[in-house]
Protein backbone atom coordinates (compact mmCIF):
# COMPACT_ATOMS: atom_id res chain seq x y z
CA MET A 1 24.69 35.14 -13.26
CA ALA A 2 21.10 33.96 -13.31
CA GLN A 3 19.75 30.56 -12.36
CA TYR A 4 17.76 28.51 -14.82
CA LEU A 5 15.68 25.37 -14.53
CA LEU A 6 16.40 22.89 -17.31
CA SER A 7 13.52 20.41 -17.11
CA VAL A 8 13.48 17.11 -18.98
CA TRP A 9 10.16 16.20 -20.58
CA HIS A 10 8.88 12.94 -21.99
CA SER A 11 5.65 12.35 -23.90
CA ASP A 12 3.79 9.66 -25.78
CA ALA A 13 5.63 10.84 -28.92
CA HIS A 14 9.00 10.83 -27.08
CA PRO A 15 8.67 8.28 -24.26
CA ILE A 16 11.20 7.36 -21.62
CA PRO A 17 13.30 4.61 -23.18
CA ASP A 18 12.33 1.28 -21.70
CA ASP A 19 15.06 -0.98 -23.03
CA PRO A 20 18.05 -1.39 -20.69
CA GLU A 21 20.67 -0.71 -23.37
CA THR A 22 19.20 2.69 -24.29
CA MET A 23 18.69 3.59 -20.63
CA GLN A 24 22.32 2.76 -19.79
CA LYS A 25 23.49 4.83 -22.75
CA ALA A 26 21.43 7.81 -21.52
CA PHE A 27 22.73 7.39 -17.94
CA LYS A 28 26.34 7.40 -19.14
CA GLN A 29 25.77 10.43 -21.37
CA VAL A 30 24.08 12.33 -18.55
CA ASP A 31 26.95 11.48 -16.20
CA VAL A 32 29.38 13.03 -18.72
CA PHE A 33 27.12 16.09 -19.11
CA ASN A 34 26.83 16.47 -15.32
CA ALA A 35 30.62 16.33 -14.97
CA GLU A 36 30.97 19.05 -17.64
CA LEU A 37 28.42 21.25 -15.86
CA GLN A 38 30.22 20.78 -12.54
CA ALA A 39 33.67 21.48 -14.03
CA SER A 40 32.38 24.69 -15.64
CA GLY A 41 30.88 26.03 -12.41
CA ALA A 42 27.37 26.14 -13.92
CA TRP A 43 26.09 23.20 -11.80
CA VAL A 44 23.78 24.04 -8.89
CA PHE A 45 21.68 20.89 -8.48
CA ALA A 46 20.12 18.13 -10.55
CA GLY A 47 17.94 15.09 -10.14
CA GLY A 48 16.01 12.43 -11.97
CA LEU A 49 12.47 11.60 -10.94
CA HIS A 50 10.55 8.38 -10.51
CA PRO A 51 7.53 7.94 -12.85
CA PRO A 52 4.46 10.16 -12.30
CA ALA A 53 2.51 7.23 -10.85
CA THR A 54 4.73 7.46 -7.74
CA ALA A 55 3.64 11.06 -7.04
CA THR A 56 1.54 12.21 -4.10
CA VAL A 57 -0.29 15.53 -4.24
CA VAL A 58 -0.82 17.56 -1.04
CA ARG A 59 -3.34 20.42 -1.08
CA ASP A 60 -4.63 22.71 1.64
CA ASP A 61 -8.41 23.08 1.43
CA GLY A 62 -9.36 25.76 3.95
CA GLY A 63 -7.17 24.34 6.70
CA GLU A 64 -7.82 20.70 5.84
CA THR A 65 -4.98 18.80 4.19
CA ILE A 66 -6.06 16.69 1.24
CA ILE A 67 -3.62 13.99 0.08
CA THR A 68 -4.14 12.09 -3.16
CA ASP A 69 -2.06 9.49 -4.95
CA GLY A 70 -0.80 10.01 -8.45
CA PRO A 71 0.31 13.01 -10.44
CA PHE A 72 -1.27 16.44 -10.03
CA ALA A 73 -2.42 16.53 -13.65
CA GLU A 74 -3.21 13.81 -16.14
CA THR A 75 -1.16 14.87 -19.15
CA LYS A 76 0.60 13.32 -22.10
CA GLU A 77 3.84 15.02 -21.03
CA GLN A 78 5.74 14.00 -17.91
CA LEU A 79 8.58 15.68 -16.06
CA GLY A 80 11.41 13.17 -15.89
CA GLY A 81 14.19 15.14 -14.24
CA PHE A 82 15.88 18.51 -14.07
CA TRP A 83 19.01 20.55 -13.69
CA ILE A 84 19.35 23.90 -11.95
CA ILE A 85 22.23 25.82 -13.45
CA GLU A 86 23.82 29.24 -13.31
CA ALA A 87 24.41 30.92 -16.65
CA ALA A 88 25.37 34.41 -17.80
CA ASP A 89 22.30 34.75 -19.99
CA LEU A 90 19.53 32.88 -21.81
CA ASP A 91 21.79 32.02 -24.75
CA ALA A 92 24.26 30.30 -22.41
CA ALA A 93 21.40 28.43 -20.69
CA LEU A 94 20.07 27.33 -24.08
CA ALA A 95 23.51 26.03 -25.05
CA TRP A 96 23.61 23.93 -21.87
CA ALA A 97 20.05 22.72 -22.55
CA SER A 98 21.07 21.59 -26.03
CA LYS A 99 23.87 19.49 -24.55
CA GLY A 100 21.52 18.16 -21.86
CA SER A 101 18.90 17.22 -24.43
CA ALA A 102 21.47 15.29 -26.45
CA ALA A 103 22.72 13.55 -23.30
CA CYS A 104 19.33 12.44 -21.94
CA MET A 105 17.76 11.97 -25.39
CA ALA A 106 14.67 14.00 -24.45
CA SER A 107 13.24 17.50 -24.73
CA VAL A 108 14.57 20.07 -22.27
CA GLU A 109 12.62 23.20 -21.32
CA VAL A 110 14.58 26.26 -20.11
CA ARG A 111 13.07 28.70 -17.60
CA PRO A 112 14.71 31.44 -15.53
CA PHE A 113 13.95 31.69 -11.82
CA GLN A 114 11.87 34.66 -10.66
CA GLY A 115 13.94 37.44 -9.17
CA ASP A 116 17.00 36.20 -11.00
CA GLU A 117 16.88 38.53 -13.96
CA PRO A 118 19.18 37.32 -16.73
CA GLU A 119 21.79 39.74 -18.00
CA SER A 120 20.98 41.09 -21.46
């Protein structure tokens, strides 16, 4: 089994829903998806993130720590949350990502962890 990061992305074209009814619908759908992941044994960890404006970037600059407010990069896409799952192969991870995308109503990127070579 390999571990995969399923990351949830929002953009100007596909923003985070801002109306309470849509948000509650997404929360309920994600709760159901999370329960399915856990019941299957694929669940490792998951979390939703506060908006990028709440980020703090820490960087070492030759022994001096530089701390700045805000996201690391100014982009049109924002990471909104993630799941870490275990799956037999990329196809299985993609199937979970499809369900996750439907649940959270956003794009989900799938990436394997280094050193965790998926079975072919």
